[in-house]
Amino acid sequence: MVEAEILPPEHEPRVHVAGARAPGWFGAGLALLTVAAAFSVGFMALFGRTLFAAVLASLVWPWVFSPEFTAWVFGAPRVAFWKILVLFLALDVIARLFLRRNLWPRR
């Protein structure tokens, strides 16, 4: 049987890597930007098509529909972007459910 020898704290080995320092605020900021970029790429991979369609619809909406119709549908004479985005996200989820054939396979 092997027994481990526990050294007192003053005899613990110290490891020093030449040129290695803590990154500081600049490094933390770069790390945060990296996380934000990764999140953005993932968000665009999931919702990029829907986001593009919502932007396009919000730009074209005033030319196609009157302010009276917009007020009747959305409750305001101008359409808010987040309302169109939520509408398109719901339509995307519903379309994916109905277009996926093997979601509920028949027995």
N, C-alpha and C. Protein backbone atom coordinates (compact mmCIF):
# COMPACT_ATOMS: atom_id res chain seq x y z
N MET A 1 0.83 -1.17 0.00
CA MET A 1 0.00 0.00 0.00
C MET A 1 0.89 1.24 0.00
N VAL A 2 0.43 2.28 -0.71
CA VAL A 2 1.22 3.51 -0.84
C VAL A 2 0.58 4.57 0.05
N GLU A 3 1.42 5.25 0.79
CA GLU A 3 0.93 6.33 1.63
C GLU A 3 1.43 7.65 1.08
N ALA A 4 0.52 8.62 1.02
CA ALA A 4 0.88 9.94 0.51
C ALA A 4 1.53 10.76 1.61
N GLU A 5 2.56 11.48 1.22
CA GLU A 5 3.25 12.35 2.17
C GLU A 5 2.74 13.78 1.95
N ILE A 6 2.20 14.40 2.98
CA ILE A 6 1.69 15.76 2.90
C ILE A 6 2.76 16.69 3.43
N LEU A 7 3.19 17.60 2.55
CA LEU A 7 4.24 18.54 2.93
C LEU A 7 3.62 19.75 3.61
N PRO A 8 4.30 20.36 4.52
CA PRO A 8 3.82 21.61 5.11
C PRO A 8 3.82 22.72 4.06
N PRO A 9 3.02 23.77 4.28
CA PRO A 9 2.88 24.82 3.27
C PRO A 9 4.19 25.50 2.87
N GLU A 10 5.15 25.60 3.76
CA GLU A 10 6.39 26.29 3.38
C GLU A 10 7.25 25.45 2.45
N HIS A 11 6.97 24.18 2.30
CA HIS A 11 7.75 23.33 1.41
C HIS A 11 7.04 23.04 0.09
N GLU A 12 5.91 23.70 -0.17
CA GLU A 12 5.21 23.46 -1.43
C GLU A 12 6.03 24.05 -2.58
N PRO A 13 6.09 23.33 -3.69
CA PRO A 13 6.86 23.85 -4.83
C PRO A 13 6.13 25.03 -5.48
N ARG A 14 6.89 25.99 -5.94
CA ARG A 14 6.31 27.15 -6.63
C ARG A 14 6.66 27.04 -8.11
N VAL A 15 5.64 27.27 -8.91
CA VAL A 15 5.83 27.20 -10.36
C VAL A 15 5.78 28.62 -10.90
N HIS A 16 6.76 28.97 -11.68
CA HIS A 16 6.80 30.30 -12.28
C HIS A 16 7.00 30.13 -13.78
N VAL A 17 6.09 30.72 -14.57
CA VAL A 17 6.21 30.69 -16.01
C VAL A 17 6.71 32.05 -16.44
N ALA A 18 7.80 32.05 -17.18
CA ALA A 18 8.42 33.31 -17.59
C ALA A 18 7.49 34.06 -18.55
N GLY A 19 7.24 35.32 -18.26
CA GLY A 19 6.43 36.17 -19.13
C GLY A 19 4.94 36.03 -18.94
N ALA A 20 4.48 35.18 -18.05
CA ALA A 20 3.04 35.02 -17.84
C ALA A 20 2.58 35.96 -16.74
N ARG A 21 1.54 36.75 -17.06
CA ARG A 21 0.97 37.65 -16.07
C ARG A 21 -0.54 37.57 -16.17
N ALA A 22 -1.20 38.13 -15.21
CA ALA A 22 -2.66 38.21 -15.26
C ALA A 22 -3.06 39.17 -16.37
N PRO A 23 -4.13 38.89 -17.09
CA PRO A 23 -4.47 39.73 -18.25
C PRO A 23 -4.94 41.14 -17.90
N GLY A 24 -5.43 41.36 -16.72
CA GLY A 24 -5.86 42.69 -16.33
C GLY A 24 -7.19 43.07 -16.96
N TRP A 25 -7.50 44.37 -16.92
CA TRP A 25 -8.78 44.85 -17.43
C TRP A 25 -8.88 44.72 -18.94
N PHE A 26 -7.77 44.94 -19.62
CA PHE A 26 -7.79 44.83 -21.09
C PHE A 26 -8.07 43.39 -21.52
N GLY A 27 -7.44 42.44 -20.86
CA GLY A 27 -7.68 41.04 -21.17
C GLY A 27 -9.09 40.60 -20.82
N ALA A 28 -9.60 41.11 -19.69
CA ALA A 28 -10.97 40.79 -19.32
C ALA A 28 -11.96 41.37 -20.33
N GLY A 29 -11.68 42.56 -20.82
CA GLY A 29 -12.53 43.16 -21.84
C GLY A 29 -12.49 42.37 -23.14
N LEU A 30 -11.31 41.91 -23.53
CA LEU A 30 -11.20 41.08 -24.73
C LEU A 30 -11.93 39.75 -24.55
N ALA A 31 -11.85 39.18 -23.36
CA ALA A 31 -12.57 37.94 -23.10
C ALA A 31 -14.07 38.16 -23.17
N LEU A 32 -14.55 39.27 -22.66
CA LEU A 32 -15.97 39.59 -22.74
C LEU A 32 -16.42 39.81 -24.18
N LEU A 33 -15.57 40.46 -24.98
CA LEU A 33 -15.90 40.64 -26.39
C LEU A 33 -15.94 39.30 -27.12
N THR A 34 -15.08 38.37 -26.75
CA THR A 34 -15.08 37.04 -27.35
C THR A 34 -16.37 36.30 -27.01
N VAL A 35 -16.79 36.39 -25.77
CA VAL A 35 -18.05 35.75 -25.36
C VAL A 35 -19.23 36.38 -26.09
N ALA A 36 -19.23 37.70 -26.21
CA ALA A 36 -20.31 38.39 -26.91
C ALA A 36 -20.34 37.99 -28.39
N ALA A 37 -19.16 37.84 -29.00
CA ALA A 37 -19.11 37.43 -30.41
C ALA A 37 -19.63 36.01 -30.57
N ALA A 38 -19.27 35.12 -29.66
CA ALA A 38 -19.76 33.75 -29.74
C ALA A 38 -21.28 33.70 -29.55
N PHE A 39 -21.79 34.48 -28.62
CA PHE A 39 -23.23 34.55 -28.41
C PHE A 39 -23.94 35.09 -29.64
N SER A 40 -23.36 36.12 -30.26
CA SER A 40 -23.96 36.72 -31.45
C SER A 40 -23.99 35.75 -32.62
N VAL A 41 -22.92 35.00 -32.80
CA VAL A 41 -22.89 34.03 -33.90
C VAL A 41 -23.93 32.93 -33.65
N GLY A 42 -24.05 32.47 -32.42
CA GLY A 42 -25.06 31.47 -32.11
C GLY A 42 -26.47 32.00 -32.29
N PHE A 43 -26.70 33.23 -31.87
CA PHE A 43 -28.01 33.86 -32.03
C PHE A 43 -28.36 34.01 -33.51
N MET A 44 -27.39 34.44 -34.31
CA MET A 44 -27.64 34.60 -35.74
C MET A 44 -27.84 33.26 -36.43
N ALA A 45 -27.17 32.22 -35.95
CA ALA A 45 -27.37 30.89 -36.54
C ALA A 45 -28.78 30.39 -36.25
N LEU A 46 -29.30 30.70 -35.07
CA LEU A 46 -30.64 30.24 -34.72
C LEU A 46 -31.74 31.13 -35.30
N PHE A 47 -31.56 32.44 -35.20
CA PHE A 47 -32.64 33.37 -35.52
C PHE A 47 -32.29 34.36 -36.63
N GLY A 48 -31.26 34.12 -37.39
CA GLY A 48 -30.82 35.07 -38.41
C GLY A 48 -31.83 35.31 -39.50
N ARG A 49 -32.43 34.23 -40.00
CA ARG A 49 -33.42 34.37 -41.07
C ARG A 49 -34.66 35.11 -40.56
N THR A 50 -35.09 34.77 -39.36
CA THR A 50 -36.26 35.43 -38.78
C THR A 50 -35.98 36.89 -38.49
N LEU A 51 -34.79 37.19 -37.99
CA LEU A 51 -34.41 38.58 -37.71
C LEU A 51 -34.35 39.40 -38.99
N PHE A 52 -33.80 38.82 -40.05
CA PHE A 52 -33.74 39.51 -41.34
C PHE A 52 -35.14 39.77 -41.88
N ALA A 53 -36.02 38.78 -41.78
CA ALA A 53 -37.40 38.95 -42.26
C ALA A 53 -38.13 40.02 -41.45
N ALA A 54 -37.90 40.08 -40.15
CA ALA A 54 -38.55 41.08 -39.31
C ALA A 54 -38.04 42.49 -39.65
N VAL A 55 -36.76 42.63 -39.89
CA VAL A 55 -36.22 43.94 -40.29
C VAL A 55 -36.80 44.37 -41.62
N LEU A 56 -36.85 43.44 -42.57
CA LEU A 56 -37.41 43.76 -43.87
C LEU A 56 -38.89 44.12 -43.77
N ALA A 57 -39.65 43.38 -42.98
CA ALA A 57 -41.07 43.67 -42.82
C ALA A 57 -41.30 45.01 -42.13
N SER A 58 -40.47 45.33 -41.14
CA SER A 58 -40.66 46.62 -40.45
C SER A 58 -40.29 47.80 -41.36
N LEU A 59 -39.39 47.59 -42.31
CA LEU A 59 -39.06 48.67 -43.25
C LEU A 59 -40.12 48.82 -44.34
N VAL A 60 -40.71 47.72 -44.77
CA VAL A 60 -41.67 47.76 -45.87
C VAL A 60 -43.09 48.03 -45.38
N TRP A 61 -43.39 47.74 -44.13
CA TRP A 61 -44.74 47.85 -43.60
C TRP A 61 -45.40 49.20 -43.84
N PRO A 62 -44.74 50.35 -43.59
CA PRO A 62 -45.43 51.64 -43.79
C PRO A 62 -45.81 51.91 -45.24
N TRP A 63 -45.08 51.33 -46.21
CA TRP A 63 -45.41 51.55 -47.61
C TRP A 63 -46.57 50.68 -48.06
N VAL A 64 -46.76 49.53 -47.40
CA VAL A 64 -47.79 48.59 -47.84
C VAL A 64 -49.11 48.84 -47.13
N PHE A 65 -49.08 49.09 -45.83
CA PHE A 65 -50.30 49.21 -45.05
C PHE A 65 -50.48 50.62 -44.53
N SER A 66 -51.72 51.02 -44.39
CA SER A 66 -52.04 52.37 -43.91
C SER A 66 -51.87 52.46 -42.39
N PRO A 67 -51.73 53.68 -41.85
CA PRO A 67 -51.64 53.83 -40.40
C PRO A 67 -52.90 53.36 -39.67
N GLU A 68 -54.06 53.48 -40.32
CA GLU A 68 -55.30 53.01 -39.69
C GLU A 68 -55.29 51.50 -39.52
N PHE A 69 -54.86 50.79 -40.57
CA PHE A 69 -54.78 49.34 -40.48
C PHE A 69 -53.73 48.91 -39.45
N THR A 70 -52.60 49.61 -39.43
CA THR A 70 -51.55 49.30 -38.46
C THR A 70 -52.05 49.54 -37.04
N ALA A 71 -52.80 50.61 -36.84
CA ALA A 71 -53.36 50.87 -35.51
C ALA A 71 -54.38 49.81 -35.13
N TRP A 72 -55.12 49.29 -36.10
CA TRP A 72 -56.09 48.24 -35.81
C TRP A 72 -55.40 46.92 -35.45
N VAL A 73 -54.29 46.62 -36.13
CA VAL A 73 -53.58 45.35 -35.90
C VAL A 73 -52.70 45.43 -34.66
N PHE A 74 -51.88 46.46 -34.55
CA PHE A 74 -50.87 46.53 -33.49
C PHE A 74 -51.22 47.51 -32.37
N GLY A 75 -52.24 48.30 -32.53
CA GLY A 75 -52.64 49.22 -31.47
C GLY A 75 -51.93 50.55 -31.51
N ALA A 76 -51.16 50.82 -32.54
CA ALA A 76 -50.45 52.10 -32.68
C ALA A 76 -50.32 52.40 -34.17
N PRO A 77 -50.25 53.67 -34.54
CA PRO A 77 -50.14 53.99 -35.97
C PRO A 77 -48.81 53.55 -36.59
N ARG A 78 -47.79 53.39 -35.77
CA ARG A 78 -46.50 52.87 -36.26
C ARG A 78 -46.25 51.52 -35.62
N VAL A 79 -45.71 50.62 -36.40
CA VAL A 79 -45.46 49.27 -35.90
C VAL A 79 -44.12 49.23 -35.15
N ALA A 80 -44.12 48.59 -34.00
CA ALA A 80 -42.89 48.44 -33.23
C ALA A 80 -42.12 47.21 -33.73
N PHE A 81 -40.80 47.33 -33.78
CA PHE A 81 -39.99 46.23 -34.32
C PHE A 81 -40.13 44.97 -33.49
N TRP A 82 -40.18 45.10 -32.18
CA TRP A 82 -40.22 43.90 -31.34
C TRP A 82 -41.53 43.13 -31.54
N LYS A 83 -42.61 43.82 -31.90
CA LYS A 83 -43.87 43.13 -32.15
C LYS A 83 -43.78 42.29 -33.42
N ILE A 84 -43.16 42.84 -34.45
CA ILE A 84 -42.98 42.07 -35.68
C ILE A 84 -42.03 40.91 -35.45
N LEU A 85 -40.97 41.14 -34.66
CA LEU A 85 -40.02 40.06 -34.37
C LEU A 85 -40.70 38.92 -33.63
N VAL A 86 -41.50 39.23 -32.62
CA VAL A 86 -42.21 38.19 -31.88
C VAL A 86 -43.19 37.46 -32.80
N LEU A 87 -43.87 38.20 -33.65
CA LEU A 87 -44.80 37.59 -34.60
C LEU A 87 -44.07 36.64 -35.54
N PHE A 88 -42.95 37.06 -36.07
CA PHE A 88 -42.19 36.21 -36.99
C PHE A 88 -41.57 35.02 -36.28
N LEU A 89 -41.13 35.20 -35.03
CA LEU A 89 -40.60 34.06 -34.27
C LEU A 89 -41.68 33.02 -34.03
N ALA A 90 -42.89 33.47 -33.71
CA ALA A 90 -44.00 32.52 -33.52
C ALA A 90 -44.33 31.81 -34.82
N LEU A 91 -44.36 32.54 -35.92
CA LEU A 91 -44.62 31.92 -37.22
C LEU A 91 -43.53 30.92 -37.59
N ASP A 92 -42.29 31.22 -37.26
CA ASP A 92 -41.18 30.32 -37.54
C ASP A 92 -41.32 29.03 -36.74
N VAL A 93 -41.67 29.14 -35.48
CA VAL A 93 -41.84 27.94 -34.64
C VAL A 93 -42.99 27.09 -35.16
N ILE A 94 -44.10 27.72 -35.51
CA ILE A 94 -45.25 26.98 -36.03
C ILE A 94 -44.90 26.32 -37.37
N ALA A 95 -44.21 27.02 -38.23
CA ALA A 95 -43.83 26.44 -39.52
C ALA A 95 -42.88 25.27 -39.34
N ARG A 96 -41.95 25.37 -38.41
CA ARG A 96 -41.03 24.25 -38.17
C ARG A 96 -41.76 23.05 -37.61
N LEU A 97 -42.76 23.26 -36.78
CA LEU A 97 -43.53 22.14 -36.24
C LEU A 97 -44.30 21.42 -37.33
N PHE A 98 -44.90 22.16 -38.26
CA PHE A 98 -45.70 21.52 -39.29
C PHE A 98 -44.87 20.98 -40.45
N LEU A 99 -43.70 21.54 -40.68
CA LEU A 99 -42.88 21.06 -41.78
C LEU A 99 -42.02 19.86 -41.40
N ARG A 100 -41.82 19.64 -40.14
CA ARG A 100 -41.04 18.49 -39.69
C ARG A 100 -41.98 17.28 -39.67
N ARG A 101 -41.80 16.37 -40.59
CA ARG A 101 -42.74 15.27 -40.78
C ARG A 101 -42.65 14.22 -39.68
N ASN A 102 -41.47 13.92 -39.19
CA ASN A 102 -41.32 12.82 -38.22
C ASN A 102 -41.37 13.31 -36.77
N LEU A 103 -42.04 14.43 -36.53
CA LEU A 103 -42.13 14.94 -35.18
C LEU A 103 -42.98 14.02 -34.31
N TRP A 104 -44.14 13.64 -34.82
CA TRP A 104 -44.99 12.67 -34.13
C TRP A 104 -45.25 11.52 -35.09
N PRO A 105 -44.38 10.53 -35.12
CA PRO A 105 -44.56 9.43 -36.09
C PRO A 105 -45.80 8.60 -35.75
N ARG A 106 -46.48 8.17 -36.80
CA ARG A 106 -47.66 7.33 -36.61
C ARG A 106 -47.23 5.89 -36.41
N ARG A 107 -48.02 5.17 -35.62
CA ARG A 107 -47.67 3.78 -35.35
C ARG A 107 -48.56 2.86 -36.12
